[in-house]
Amino acid sequence: MNGPNRYRLIVVSLEQAKAAAFHATQRLKEALTRRKLRFSSNCQNGSGSHFQRDIFFEKPRSKNDWLDLISSWSPSPSTG
């Protein structure tokens, strides 16, 4: 196979791969958009099966609250 034909085969394959990648990217973006819409419709206050206030119910914590919480997770030092 001579140079120009080999180049054409490579370019055609490359263009096909680009088109396939673009198509896959579009499908992923559409799927992500659908998931975002579904999630936002389920998390609106007062509608859907899950309420935003139920998902994000935790009260804000102070720095000392976080330190106390983290220290409660740590294993106690052995008393010997």
N, C-alpha and C. Protein backbone atom coordinates (compact mmCIF):
# COMPACT_ATOMS: atom_id res chain seq x y z
N MET A 1 0.86 -1.17 0.00
CA MET A 1 0.00 0.00 0.00
C MET A 1 0.91 1.23 0.00
N ASN A 2 0.60 2.17 -0.88
CA ASN A 2 1.45 3.37 -0.97
C ASN A 2 1.03 4.42 0.05
N GLY A 3 1.81 5.50 0.14
CA GLY A 3 1.64 6.54 1.15
C GLY A 3 0.27 7.18 1.19
N PRO A 4 -0.25 7.72 0.07
CA PRO A 4 -1.55 8.41 0.12
C PRO A 4 -2.70 7.51 0.57
N ASN A 5 -2.70 6.25 0.11
CA ASN A 5 -3.79 5.33 0.51
C ASN A 5 -3.71 5.01 2.00
N ARG A 6 -2.49 4.81 2.49
CA ARG A 6 -2.32 4.53 3.91
C ARG A 6 -2.78 5.74 4.74
N TYR A 7 -2.42 6.92 4.29
CA TYR A 7 -2.83 8.15 4.98
C TYR A 7 -4.35 8.27 5.01
N ARG A 8 -4.99 7.96 3.86
CA ARG A 8 -6.46 8.05 3.78
C ARG A 8 -7.10 7.06 4.74
N LEU A 9 -6.56 5.84 4.82
CA LEU A 9 -7.12 4.84 5.74
C LEU A 9 -6.99 5.31 7.19
N ILE A 10 -5.86 5.92 7.52
CA ILE A 10 -5.68 6.41 8.89
C ILE A 10 -6.63 7.56 9.18
N VAL A 11 -6.75 8.49 8.24
CA VAL A 11 -7.61 9.66 8.45
C VAL A 11 -9.07 9.24 8.55
N VAL A 12 -9.50 8.31 7.71
CA VAL A 12 -10.89 7.85 7.76
C VAL A 12 -11.17 7.20 9.11
N SER A 13 -10.27 6.35 9.58
CA SER A 13 -10.46 5.70 10.88
C SER A 13 -10.48 6.73 12.00
N LEU A 14 -9.60 7.73 11.89
CA LEU A 14 -9.56 8.77 12.91
C LEU A 14 -10.85 9.58 12.93
N GLU A 15 -11.37 9.92 11.77
CA GLU A 15 -12.63 10.66 11.70
C GLU A 15 -13.79 9.84 12.25
N GLN A 16 -13.79 8.54 11.96
CA GLN A 16 -14.84 7.67 12.51
C GLN A 16 -14.75 7.60 14.03
N ALA A 17 -13.54 7.52 14.55
CA ALA A 17 -13.36 7.48 16.00
C ALA A 17 -13.80 8.80 16.64
N LYS A 18 -13.49 9.92 15.99
CA LYS A 18 -13.92 11.22 16.51
C LYS A 18 -15.44 11.31 16.54
N ALA A 19 -16.08 10.85 15.46
CA ALA A 19 -17.54 10.90 15.40
C ALA A 19 -18.15 10.01 16.49
N ALA A 20 -17.58 8.83 16.69
CA ALA A 20 -18.09 7.93 17.72
C ALA A 20 -17.89 8.53 19.11
N ALA A 21 -16.74 9.16 19.34
CA ALA A 21 -16.49 9.79 20.64
C ALA A 21 -17.44 10.95 20.88
N PHE A 22 -17.70 11.74 19.84
CA PHE A 22 -18.62 12.86 19.97
C PHE A 22 -20.03 12.35 20.30
N HIS A 23 -20.45 11.29 19.61
CA HIS A 23 -21.77 10.71 19.86
C HIS A 23 -21.87 10.18 21.29
N ALA A 24 -20.83 9.50 21.75
CA ALA A 24 -20.83 8.97 23.12
C ALA A 24 -20.86 10.11 24.13
N THR A 25 -20.13 11.18 23.86
CA THR A 25 -20.12 12.33 24.75
C THR A 25 -21.50 12.95 24.84
N GLN A 26 -22.17 13.09 23.71
CA GLN A 26 -23.52 13.65 23.70
C GLN A 26 -24.48 12.79 24.51
N ARG A 27 -24.38 11.48 24.34
CA ARG A 27 -25.26 10.57 25.09
C ARG A 27 -25.01 10.68 26.59
N LEU A 28 -23.74 10.78 26.98
CA LEU A 28 -23.43 10.91 28.41
C LEU A 28 -23.95 12.23 28.97
N LYS A 29 -23.80 13.32 28.21
CA LYS A 29 -24.31 14.61 28.66
C LYS A 29 -25.83 14.58 28.82
N GLU A 30 -26.51 13.94 27.87
CA GLU A 30 -27.97 13.85 27.96
C GLU A 30 -28.39 13.02 29.17
N ALA A 31 -27.67 11.92 29.41
CA ALA A 31 -27.99 11.08 30.57
C ALA A 31 -27.76 11.84 31.87
N LEU A 32 -26.67 12.61 31.93
CA LEU A 32 -26.40 13.41 33.13
C LEU A 32 -27.48 14.46 33.35
N THR A 33 -27.92 15.09 32.27
CA THR A 33 -28.98 16.09 32.37
C THR A 33 -30.27 15.45 32.89
N ARG A 34 -30.60 14.26 32.38
CA ARG A 34 -31.80 13.56 32.85
C ARG A 34 -31.69 13.24 34.34
N ARG A 35 -30.52 12.77 34.77
CA ARG A 35 -30.34 12.44 36.19
C ARG A 35 -30.45 13.68 37.07
N LYS A 36 -29.85 14.78 36.61
CA LYS A 36 -29.94 16.03 37.39
C LYS A 36 -31.38 16.48 37.51
N LEU A 37 -32.13 16.39 36.43
CA LEU A 37 -33.54 16.80 36.47
C LEU A 37 -34.33 15.89 37.40
N ARG A 38 -34.08 14.60 37.32
CA ARG A 38 -34.79 13.65 38.18
C ARG A 38 -34.44 13.90 39.64
N PHE A 39 -33.16 14.13 39.93
CA PHE A 39 -32.75 14.39 41.31
C PHE A 39 -33.36 15.69 41.83
N SER A 40 -33.32 16.74 41.02
CA SER A 40 -33.86 18.02 41.49
C SER A 40 -35.36 17.95 41.67
N SER A 41 -36.06 17.18 40.84
CA SER A 41 -37.50 17.08 41.02
C SER A 41 -37.85 16.26 42.26
N ASN A 42 -36.98 15.32 42.63
CA ASN A 42 -37.22 14.52 43.84
C ASN A 42 -36.83 15.26 45.11
N CYS A 43 -35.98 16.27 45.00
CA CYS A 43 -35.46 16.94 46.19
C CYS A 43 -36.07 18.30 46.44
N GLN A 44 -37.08 18.67 45.70
CA GLN A 44 -37.69 19.97 45.94
C GLN A 44 -38.47 19.93 47.24
N ASN A 45 -38.46 21.02 47.95
CA ASN A 45 -39.21 21.08 49.21
C ASN A 45 -40.70 20.92 48.94
N GLY A 46 -41.33 19.99 49.63
CA GLY A 46 -42.77 19.83 49.53
C GLY A 46 -43.26 19.00 48.37
N SER A 47 -42.37 18.43 47.56
CA SER A 47 -42.84 17.58 46.46
C SER A 47 -41.85 16.46 46.24
N GLY A 48 -42.27 15.45 45.52
CA GLY A 48 -41.40 14.32 45.25
C GLY A 48 -41.38 13.35 46.41
N SER A 49 -40.62 12.27 46.22
CA SER A 49 -40.59 11.25 47.26
C SER A 49 -39.59 11.57 48.36
N HIS A 50 -38.61 12.43 48.09
CA HIS A 50 -37.63 12.83 49.10
C HIS A 50 -37.63 14.34 49.21
N PHE A 51 -37.64 14.82 50.41
CA PHE A 51 -37.61 16.26 50.61
C PHE A 51 -36.19 16.69 50.93
N GLN A 52 -35.83 17.87 50.45
CA GLN A 52 -34.49 18.36 50.68
C GLN A 52 -34.21 18.50 52.18
N ARG A 53 -35.18 18.89 52.94
CA ARG A 53 -34.95 19.06 54.37
C ARG A 53 -34.69 17.71 55.04
N ASP A 54 -35.19 16.61 54.48
CA ASP A 54 -34.92 15.29 55.04
C ASP A 54 -33.52 14.81 54.69
N ILE A 55 -33.06 15.16 53.50
CA ILE A 55 -31.74 14.71 53.07
C ILE A 55 -30.65 15.50 53.79
N PHE A 56 -30.83 16.81 53.89
CA PHE A 56 -29.83 17.68 54.48
C PHE A 56 -30.33 18.20 55.83
N PHE A 57 -30.65 17.29 56.73
CA PHE A 57 -31.28 17.66 57.99
C PHE A 57 -30.26 18.12 59.02
N GLU A 58 -29.02 17.68 58.89
CA GLU A 58 -28.01 17.92 59.91
C GLU A 58 -27.83 19.40 60.18
N LYS A 59 -27.82 19.75 61.46
CA LYS A 59 -27.63 21.15 61.85
C LYS A 59 -26.17 21.54 61.64
N PRO A 60 -25.90 22.82 61.42
CA PRO A 60 -24.50 23.25 61.29
C PRO A 60 -23.74 22.98 62.58
N ARG A 61 -22.48 22.61 62.45
CA ARG A 61 -21.66 22.29 63.62
C ARG A 61 -20.55 23.32 63.78
N SER A 62 -20.20 23.58 65.01
CA SER A 62 -19.08 24.48 65.30
C SER A 62 -17.78 23.69 65.19
N LYS A 63 -16.68 24.40 65.24
CA LYS A 63 -15.37 23.75 65.20
C LYS A 63 -15.22 22.78 66.36
N ASN A 64 -15.64 23.19 67.55
CA ASN A 64 -15.54 22.32 68.72
C ASN A 64 -16.43 21.09 68.59
N ASP A 65 -17.61 21.26 67.98
CA ASP A 65 -18.49 20.10 67.75
C ASP A 65 -17.79 19.08 66.87
N TRP A 66 -17.13 19.56 65.79
CA TRP A 66 -16.42 18.66 64.88
C TRP A 66 -15.26 17.98 65.60
N LEU A 67 -14.52 18.73 66.40
CA LEU A 67 -13.39 18.12 67.12
C LEU A 67 -13.87 17.06 68.10
N ASP A 68 -14.98 17.33 68.80
CA ASP A 68 -15.54 16.33 69.72
C ASP A 68 -15.99 15.09 68.96
N LEU A 69 -16.62 15.31 67.82
CA LEU A 69 -17.10 14.18 67.02
C LEU A 69 -15.94 13.33 66.52
N ILE A 70 -14.89 13.98 66.02
CA ILE A 70 -13.73 13.25 65.52
C ILE A 70 -13.03 12.50 66.64
N SER A 71 -12.91 13.13 67.79
CA SER A 71 -12.24 12.45 68.91
C SER A 71 -13.06 11.25 69.39
N SER A 72 -14.37 11.30 69.23
CA SER A 72 -15.19 10.15 69.64
C SER A 72 -14.98 8.96 68.71
N TRP A 73 -14.52 9.20 67.47
CA TRP A 73 -14.26 8.11 66.53
C TRP A 73 -12.92 7.44 66.78
N SER A 74 -11.99 8.19 67.38
CA SER A 74 -10.64 7.67 67.59
C SER A 74 -10.67 6.60 68.67
N PRO A 75 -9.86 5.56 68.50
CA PRO A 75 -9.81 4.54 69.55
C PRO A 75 -9.21 5.13 70.82
N SER A 76 -9.69 4.68 71.96
CA SER A 76 -9.17 5.18 73.24
C SER A 76 -7.76 4.63 73.44
N PRO A 77 -6.90 5.45 74.02
CA PRO A 77 -5.55 4.92 74.30
C PRO A 77 -5.64 3.82 75.35
N SER A 78 -4.82 2.82 75.17
CA SER A 78 -4.88 1.70 76.13
C SER A 78 -4.32 2.15 77.47
N THR A 79 -4.95 1.68 78.50
CA THR A 79 -4.56 2.10 79.86
C THR A 79 -3.50 1.18 80.44
N GLY A 80 -2.98 0.27 79.67
CA GLY A 80 -1.82 -0.42 80.11
C GLY A 80 -1.99 -1.73 80.64
